[in-house]
Amino acid sequence: MLKYDLTHPPLIAALASAGHGDRILIADGNFPSLAMTSPQARLIHLNLAPDLLTTTAVLRPILSAVNPESAVMMEARDPAPVQAELRGLLGAGVPVDHLGRFAFYDLAKSREVGVVIQTGDTRPYGNVVITIGMR
């Protein structure tokens, strides 16, 4: 049994194969993960039921395994509480950019995003792309 917070075998394998500069998309339950991600990205489904696993619940253990260098979120029309939660988990030292919806989709479809984690989060704008930093 592993001693740290992340215990999901496919997710551990995906993160272990990623390196500095690779990107991880943690997507909410509304994100069109099949249509808007690269075919070579590892798609990990954690959307068992609505809100059972949220993007914030998934980000926490991921942060125990990787150091985020930066992050990108989708621009929200109104302030999105989930984005404030994600920002708080990332910490003040991690720069966060915001992209419009279609620019965010373009990023999600890029070859740079090698891991896509689909959550059951039903809150709007609960998507974040994390760039992996150095150890």
N, C-alpha and C. Protein backbone atom coordinates (compact mmCIF):
# COMPACT_ATOMS: atom_id res chain seq x y z
N MET A 1 0.85 -1.18 0.00
CA MET A 1 0.00 0.00 0.00
C MET A 1 0.89 1.24 0.00
N LEU A 2 0.60 2.15 -0.89
CA LEU A 2 1.37 3.39 -0.96
C LEU A 2 1.10 4.26 0.26
N LYS A 3 2.09 5.04 0.65
CA LYS A 3 1.96 5.87 1.84
C LYS A 3 1.52 7.30 1.54
N TYR A 4 1.49 7.69 0.28
CA TYR A 4 1.06 9.05 -0.01
C TYR A 4 -0.37 9.09 -0.52
N ASP A 5 -0.87 10.29 -0.76
CA ASP A 5 -2.29 10.49 -1.02
C ASP A 5 -2.81 9.89 -2.33
N LEU A 6 -1.97 9.79 -3.34
CA LEU A 6 -2.41 9.30 -4.64
C LEU A 6 -2.26 7.78 -4.70
N THR A 7 -3.38 7.07 -4.90
CA THR A 7 -3.33 5.61 -4.91
C THR A 7 -3.98 4.98 -6.14
N HIS A 8 -4.42 5.77 -7.11
CA HIS A 8 -5.10 5.27 -8.31
C HIS A 8 -4.04 4.76 -9.30
N PRO A 9 -3.94 3.44 -9.53
CA PRO A 9 -2.86 2.89 -10.36
C PRO A 9 -2.72 3.50 -11.76
N PRO A 10 -3.80 3.62 -12.57
CA PRO A 10 -3.60 4.22 -13.89
C PRO A 10 -3.13 5.68 -13.83
N LEU A 11 -3.60 6.41 -12.83
CA LEU A 11 -3.19 7.81 -12.70
C LEU A 11 -1.73 7.89 -12.26
N ILE A 12 -1.32 7.04 -11.35
CA ILE A 12 0.09 7.00 -10.93
C ILE A 12 0.98 6.68 -12.14
N ALA A 13 0.60 5.70 -12.93
CA ALA A 13 1.38 5.33 -14.11
C ALA A 13 1.46 6.47 -15.11
N ALA A 14 0.34 7.16 -15.33
CA ALA A 14 0.33 8.28 -16.27
C ALA A 14 1.22 9.41 -15.79
N LEU A 15 1.15 9.75 -14.51
CA LEU A 15 1.98 10.82 -13.97
C LEU A 15 3.46 10.42 -13.95
N ALA A 16 3.74 9.15 -13.67
CA ALA A 16 5.12 8.69 -13.64
C ALA A 16 5.77 8.76 -15.01
N SER A 17 4.98 8.63 -16.07
CA SER A 17 5.54 8.69 -17.42
C SER A 17 5.62 10.12 -17.95
N ALA A 18 5.06 11.07 -17.23
CA ALA A 18 5.11 12.48 -17.63
C ALA A 18 6.38 13.13 -17.08
N GLY A 19 6.82 14.17 -17.75
CA GLY A 19 8.02 14.86 -17.30
C GLY A 19 7.83 16.36 -17.26
N HIS A 20 8.91 17.06 -16.98
CA HIS A 20 8.89 18.52 -16.88
C HIS A 20 8.34 19.13 -18.17
N GLY A 21 7.33 19.97 -18.02
CA GLY A 21 6.72 20.64 -19.17
C GLY A 21 5.50 19.93 -19.73
N ASP A 22 5.31 18.66 -19.38
CA ASP A 22 4.10 17.97 -19.82
C ASP A 22 2.89 18.56 -19.09
N ARG A 23 1.73 18.37 -19.68
CA ARG A 23 0.52 18.96 -19.11
C ARG A 23 -0.53 17.91 -18.79
N ILE A 24 -1.30 18.21 -17.73
CA ILE A 24 -2.38 17.36 -17.25
C ILE A 24 -3.65 18.19 -17.28
N LEU A 25 -4.71 17.66 -17.85
CA LEU A 25 -6.02 18.32 -17.80
C LEU A 25 -6.89 17.61 -16.79
N ILE A 26 -7.35 18.34 -15.80
CA ILE A 26 -8.37 17.83 -14.88
C ILE A 26 -9.66 18.50 -15.34
N ALA A 27 -10.57 17.69 -15.86
CA ALA A 27 -11.78 18.21 -16.50
C ALA A 27 -13.01 17.97 -15.63
N ASP A 28 -13.92 18.92 -15.67
CA ASP A 28 -15.18 18.74 -14.95
C ASP A 28 -16.07 17.77 -15.72
N GLY A 29 -17.21 17.44 -15.15
CA GLY A 29 -18.12 16.48 -15.76
C GLY A 29 -18.79 16.98 -17.02
N ASN A 30 -18.73 18.27 -17.29
CA ASN A 30 -19.34 18.84 -18.49
C ASN A 30 -18.38 18.91 -19.67
N PHE A 31 -17.09 18.72 -19.43
CA PHE A 31 -16.09 18.88 -20.48
C PHE A 31 -16.21 17.77 -21.52
N PRO A 32 -16.21 18.12 -22.82
CA PRO A 32 -16.32 17.11 -23.88
C PRO A 32 -14.98 16.41 -24.12
N SER A 33 -14.63 15.50 -23.22
CA SER A 33 -13.27 14.94 -23.22
C SER A 33 -12.95 14.08 -24.45
N LEU A 34 -13.92 13.46 -25.05
CA LEU A 34 -13.62 12.66 -26.24
C LEU A 34 -13.38 13.54 -27.46
N ALA A 35 -14.16 14.58 -27.60
CA ALA A 35 -14.05 15.45 -28.78
C ALA A 35 -12.95 16.50 -28.64
N MET A 36 -12.64 16.92 -27.43
CA MET A 36 -11.74 18.06 -27.25
C MET A 36 -10.40 17.70 -26.62
N THR A 37 -9.96 16.46 -26.79
CA THR A 37 -8.62 16.10 -26.32
C THR A 37 -7.91 15.32 -27.42
N SER A 38 -6.60 15.27 -27.31
CA SER A 38 -5.78 14.58 -28.30
C SER A 38 -5.98 13.06 -28.21
N PRO A 39 -5.98 12.38 -29.35
CA PRO A 39 -6.16 10.93 -29.32
C PRO A 39 -5.04 10.19 -28.56
N GLN A 40 -3.84 10.77 -28.50
CA GLN A 40 -2.76 10.07 -27.80
C GLN A 40 -2.75 10.35 -26.30
N ALA A 41 -3.59 11.26 -25.82
CA ALA A 41 -3.65 11.54 -24.37
C ALA A 41 -4.26 10.34 -23.64
N ARG A 42 -3.75 10.08 -22.46
CA ARG A 42 -4.34 9.03 -21.62
C ARG A 42 -5.59 9.61 -20.97
N LEU A 43 -6.72 9.01 -21.22
CA LEU A 43 -7.99 9.48 -20.66
C LEU A 43 -8.35 8.59 -19.47
N ILE A 44 -8.43 9.21 -18.31
CA ILE A 44 -8.75 8.49 -17.08
C ILE A 44 -10.11 8.96 -16.60
N HIS A 45 -11.07 8.06 -16.57
CA HIS A 45 -12.44 8.39 -16.17
C HIS A 45 -12.62 8.22 -14.67
N LEU A 46 -12.91 9.32 -14.00
CA LEU A 46 -13.23 9.29 -12.57
C LEU A 46 -14.62 9.86 -12.34
N ASN A 47 -15.45 9.84 -13.38
CA ASN A 47 -16.80 10.41 -13.33
C ASN A 47 -17.84 9.33 -13.09
N LEU A 48 -17.72 8.67 -11.96
CA LEU A 48 -18.63 7.58 -11.60
C LEU A 48 -20.06 8.08 -11.39
N ALA A 49 -20.20 9.24 -10.74
CA ALA A 49 -21.52 9.82 -10.47
C ALA A 49 -21.34 11.33 -10.35
N PRO A 50 -22.41 12.10 -10.61
CA PRO A 50 -22.30 13.55 -10.49
C PRO A 50 -21.77 13.98 -9.12
N ASP A 51 -20.74 14.78 -9.16
CA ASP A 51 -20.11 15.39 -7.98
C ASP A 51 -19.48 14.40 -7.00
N LEU A 52 -19.40 13.13 -7.37
CA LEU A 52 -18.75 12.18 -6.47
C LEU A 52 -17.27 12.51 -6.34
N LEU A 53 -16.61 12.77 -7.45
CA LEU A 53 -15.24 13.28 -7.43
C LEU A 53 -15.22 14.60 -8.17
N THR A 54 -14.83 15.64 -7.47
CA THR A 54 -14.76 16.98 -8.06
C THR A 54 -13.33 17.25 -8.53
N THR A 55 -13.17 18.31 -9.30
CA THR A 55 -11.82 18.66 -9.75
C THR A 55 -10.92 18.99 -8.58
N THR A 56 -11.45 19.63 -7.55
CA THR A 56 -10.63 19.95 -6.39
C THR A 56 -10.24 18.69 -5.63
N ALA A 57 -11.15 17.73 -5.52
CA ALA A 57 -10.84 16.47 -4.83
C ALA A 57 -9.76 15.69 -5.59
N VAL A 58 -9.74 15.80 -6.90
CA VAL A 58 -8.73 15.10 -7.70
C VAL A 58 -7.40 15.86 -7.68
N LEU A 59 -7.46 17.18 -7.68
CA LEU A 59 -6.22 17.97 -7.68
C LEU A 59 -5.40 17.73 -6.42
N ARG A 60 -6.05 17.62 -5.28
CA ARG A 60 -5.32 17.46 -4.00
C ARG A 60 -4.29 16.33 -4.04
N PRO A 61 -4.68 15.09 -4.34
CA PRO A 61 -3.67 14.02 -4.36
C PRO A 61 -2.67 14.15 -5.50
N ILE A 62 -3.08 14.76 -6.61
CA ILE A 62 -2.12 14.97 -7.70
C ILE A 62 -0.99 15.88 -7.23
N LEU A 63 -1.33 16.88 -6.43
CA LEU A 63 -0.31 17.79 -5.93
C LEU A 63 0.65 17.11 -4.96
N SER A 64 0.28 15.95 -4.44
CA SER A 64 1.21 15.19 -3.59
C SER A 64 2.22 14.43 -4.44
N ALA A 65 1.96 14.35 -5.75
CA ALA A 65 2.83 13.58 -6.64
C ALA A 65 3.65 14.43 -7.60
N VAL A 66 3.17 15.61 -7.98
CA VAL A 66 3.89 16.47 -8.93
C VAL A 66 3.94 17.91 -8.42
N ASN A 67 4.95 18.63 -8.89
CA ASN A 67 5.05 20.06 -8.61
C ASN A 67 4.49 20.82 -9.79
N PRO A 68 3.45 21.62 -9.59
CA PRO A 68 2.92 22.39 -10.71
C PRO A 68 3.80 23.60 -11.00
N GLU A 69 4.10 23.79 -12.27
CA GLU A 69 4.89 24.95 -12.69
C GLU A 69 3.97 26.13 -13.01
N SER A 70 2.83 25.81 -13.63
CA SER A 70 1.84 26.83 -13.97
C SER A 70 0.51 26.12 -14.23
N ALA A 71 -0.53 26.92 -14.42
CA ALA A 71 -1.86 26.36 -14.67
C ALA A 71 -2.62 27.28 -15.61
N VAL A 72 -3.60 26.70 -16.28
CA VAL A 72 -4.48 27.44 -17.18
C VAL A 72 -5.91 27.01 -16.89
N MET A 73 -6.80 28.00 -16.79
CA MET A 73 -8.23 27.73 -16.61
C MET A 73 -9.00 28.43 -17.73
N MET A 74 -10.25 28.03 -17.89
CA MET A 74 -11.12 28.66 -18.87
C MET A 74 -11.71 29.94 -18.28
N GLU A 75 -11.75 31.00 -19.09
CA GLU A 75 -12.36 32.25 -18.63
C GLU A 75 -13.83 32.00 -18.30
N ALA A 76 -14.26 32.49 -17.15
CA ALA A 76 -15.65 32.36 -16.73
C ALA A 76 -16.36 33.69 -16.95
N ARG A 77 -17.62 33.62 -17.36
CA ARG A 77 -18.40 34.85 -17.53
C ARG A 77 -18.60 35.56 -16.20
N ASP A 78 -18.90 34.81 -15.18
CA ASP A 78 -19.05 35.33 -13.82
C ASP A 78 -18.02 34.62 -12.96
N PRO A 79 -17.66 35.20 -11.82
CA PRO A 79 -16.70 34.50 -10.96
C PRO A 79 -17.18 33.08 -10.65
N ALA A 80 -16.30 32.12 -10.84
CA ALA A 80 -16.64 30.72 -10.61
C ALA A 80 -15.98 30.27 -9.31
N PRO A 81 -16.78 29.93 -8.29
CA PRO A 81 -16.20 29.51 -7.01
C PRO A 81 -15.21 28.35 -7.13
N VAL A 82 -15.46 27.42 -8.06
CA VAL A 82 -14.55 26.29 -8.22
C VAL A 82 -13.16 26.77 -8.62
N GLN A 83 -13.08 27.83 -9.41
CA GLN A 83 -11.77 28.34 -9.82
C GLN A 83 -11.01 28.93 -8.64
N ALA A 84 -11.72 29.59 -7.73
CA ALA A 84 -11.07 30.11 -6.52
C ALA A 84 -10.54 28.96 -5.67
N GLU A 85 -11.29 27.87 -5.59
CA GLU A 85 -10.84 26.69 -4.84
C GLU A 85 -9.59 26.08 -5.48
N LEU A 86 -9.62 25.93 -6.80
CA LEU A 86 -8.46 25.38 -7.51
C LEU A 86 -7.24 26.27 -7.31
N ARG A 87 -7.46 27.57 -7.42
CA ARG A 87 -6.36 28.54 -7.24
C ARG A 87 -5.78 28.43 -5.84
N GLY A 88 -6.64 28.28 -4.84
CA GLY A 88 -6.18 28.14 -3.47
C GLY A 88 -5.34 26.89 -3.26
N LEU A 89 -5.73 25.79 -3.88
CA LEU A 89 -4.96 24.55 -3.77
C LEU A 89 -3.61 24.65 -4.47
N LEU A 90 -3.58 25.35 -5.60
CA LEU A 90 -2.32 25.50 -6.34
C LEU A 90 -1.32 26.35 -5.57
N GLY A 91 -1.81 27.32 -4.84
CA GLY A 91 -0.92 28.18 -4.06
C GLY A 91 -0.51 29.43 -4.82
N ALA A 92 -0.09 30.42 -4.07
CA ALA A 92 0.24 31.73 -4.64
C ALA A 92 1.46 31.68 -5.56
N GLY A 93 2.32 30.70 -5.41
CA GLY A 93 3.53 30.62 -6.22
C GLY A 93 3.34 30.04 -7.60
N VAL A 94 2.14 29.59 -7.92
CA VAL A 94 1.87 28.98 -9.23
C VAL A 94 1.09 29.98 -10.09
N PRO A 95 1.71 30.49 -11.17
CA PRO A 95 0.98 31.42 -12.03
C PRO A 95 -0.18 30.73 -12.74
N VAL A 96 -1.32 31.42 -12.80
CA VAL A 96 -2.52 30.87 -13.44
C VAL A 96 -2.95 31.81 -14.55
N ASP A 97 -3.07 31.27 -15.75
CA ASP A 97 -3.55 32.01 -16.92
C ASP A 97 -5.00 31.64 -17.17
N HIS A 98 -5.71 32.47 -17.91
CA HIS A 98 -7.09 32.17 -18.29
C HIS A 98 -7.22 32.31 -19.81
N LEU A 99 -7.89 31.35 -20.43
CA LEU A 99 -8.12 31.38 -21.87
C LEU A 99 -9.62 31.34 -22.14
N GLY A 100 -10.03 31.92 -23.26
CA GLY A 100 -11.41 31.80 -23.70
C GLY A 100 -11.74 30.34 -23.99
N ARG A 101 -13.01 30.06 -24.11
CA ARG A 101 -13.48 28.67 -24.26
C ARG A 101 -12.79 27.93 -25.40
N PHE A 102 -12.76 28.53 -26.59
CA PHE A 102 -12.23 27.81 -27.75
C PHE A 102 -10.70 27.74 -27.72
N ALA A 103 -10.05 28.75 -27.17
CA ALA A 103 -8.60 28.67 -26.98
C ALA A 103 -8.25 27.59 -25.96
N PHE A 104 -9.08 27.46 -24.92
CA PHE A 104 -8.87 26.39 -23.94
C PHE A 104 -9.05 25.02 -24.59
N TYR A 105 -10.07 24.89 -25.45
CA TYR A 105 -10.27 23.62 -26.16
C TYR A 105 -9.05 23.30 -27.04
N ASP A 106 -8.51 24.33 -27.71
CA ASP A 106 -7.32 24.11 -28.54
C ASP A 106 -6.15 23.61 -27.70
N LEU A 107 -5.97 24.20 -26.52
CA LEU A 107 -4.92 23.73 -25.62
C LEU A 107 -5.18 22.28 -25.20
N ALA A 108 -6.41 21.97 -24.84
CA ALA A 108 -6.76 20.61 -24.40
C ALA A 108 -6.50 19.58 -25.50
N LYS A 109 -6.68 19.98 -26.76
CA LYS A 109 -6.47 19.07 -27.89
C LYS A 109 -5.01 18.95 -28.30
N SER A 110 -4.15 19.80 -27.75
CA SER A 110 -2.75 19.81 -28.18
C SER A 110 -2.01 18.57 -27.68
N ARG A 111 -0.91 18.26 -28.35
CA ARG A 111 -0.08 17.10 -27.97
C ARG A 111 0.60 17.31 -26.62
N GLU A 112 0.64 18.55 -26.14
CA GLU A 112 1.27 18.85 -24.85
C GLU A 112 0.49 18.24 -23.69
N VAL A 113 -0.81 18.06 -23.86
CA VAL A 113 -1.64 17.49 -22.79
C VAL A 113 -1.65 15.98 -22.96
N GLY A 114 -0.91 15.30 -22.09
CA GLY A 114 -0.75 13.86 -22.21
C GLY A 114 -1.65 13.05 -21.30
N VAL A 115 -2.24 13.71 -20.29
CA VAL A 115 -3.12 13.03 -19.35
C VAL A 115 -4.39 13.86 -19.20
N VAL A 116 -5.54 13.23 -19.36
CA VAL A 116 -6.83 13.88 -19.18
C VAL A 116 -7.60 13.09 -18.13
N ILE A 117 -8.01 13.78 -17.08
CA ILE A 117 -8.75 13.15 -15.99
C ILE A 117 -10.16 13.73 -15.99
N GLN A 118 -11.14 12.92 -16.33
CA GLN A 118 -12.54 13.36 -16.36
C GLN A 118 -13.16 13.11 -15.00
N THR A 119 -13.57 14.17 -14.32
CA THR A 119 -14.20 14.06 -13.01
C THR A 119 -15.72 14.11 -13.16
N GLY A 120 -16.41 13.99 -12.06
CA GLY A 120 -17.86 14.11 -12.06
C GLY A 120 -18.34 15.47 -11.60
N ASP A 121 -17.42 16.44 -11.53
CA ASP A 121 -17.75 17.78 -11.04
C ASP A 121 -18.78 18.44 -11.94
N THR A 122 -19.91 18.86 -11.39
CA THR A 122 -20.96 19.51 -12.19
C THR A 122 -20.89 21.03 -12.13
N ARG A 123 -19.95 21.57 -11.39
CA ARG A 123 -19.82 23.03 -11.32
C ARG A 123 -19.23 23.55 -12.62
N PRO A 124 -19.78 24.65 -13.15
CA PRO A 124 -19.23 25.18 -14.40
C PRO A 124 -17.83 25.75 -14.20
N TYR A 125 -17.03 25.66 -15.26
CA TYR A 125 -15.66 26.20 -15.31
C TYR A 125 -14.72 25.49 -14.34
N GLY A 126 -14.95 24.22 -14.09
CA GLY A 126 -14.10 23.46 -13.19
C GLY A 126 -13.01 22.69 -13.91
N ASN A 127 -12.43 23.28 -14.95
CA ASN A 127 -11.37 22.64 -15.72
C ASN A 127 -10.05 23.35 -15.45
N VAL A 128 -8.97 22.58 -15.34
CA VAL A 128 -7.66 23.19 -15.14
C VAL A 128 -6.61 22.34 -15.85
N VAL A 129 -5.72 23.01 -16.56
CA VAL A 129 -4.56 22.35 -17.17
C VAL A 129 -3.35 22.71 -16.33
N ILE A 130 -2.67 21.70 -15.83
CA ILE A 130 -1.48 21.88 -15.00
C ILE A 130 -0.25 21.55 -15.83
N THR A 131 0.74 22.44 -15.80
CA THR A 131 2.04 22.13 -16.40
C THR A 131 2.93 21.59 -15.29
N ILE A 132 3.51 20.42 -15.53
CA ILE A 132 4.35 19.79 -14.52
C ILE A 132 5.70 20.50 -14.45
N GLY A 133 6.09 20.84 -13.23
CA GLY A 133 7.38 21.48 -13.01
C GLY A 133 8.45 20.44 -12.72
N MET A 134 9.56 20.93 -12.23
CA MET A 134 10.67 20.04 -11.89
C MET A 134 10.48 19.47 -10.50
N ARG A 135 11.16 18.41 -10.23
CA ARG A 135 11.07 17.70 -8.95
C ARG A 135 11.35 18.59 -7.77
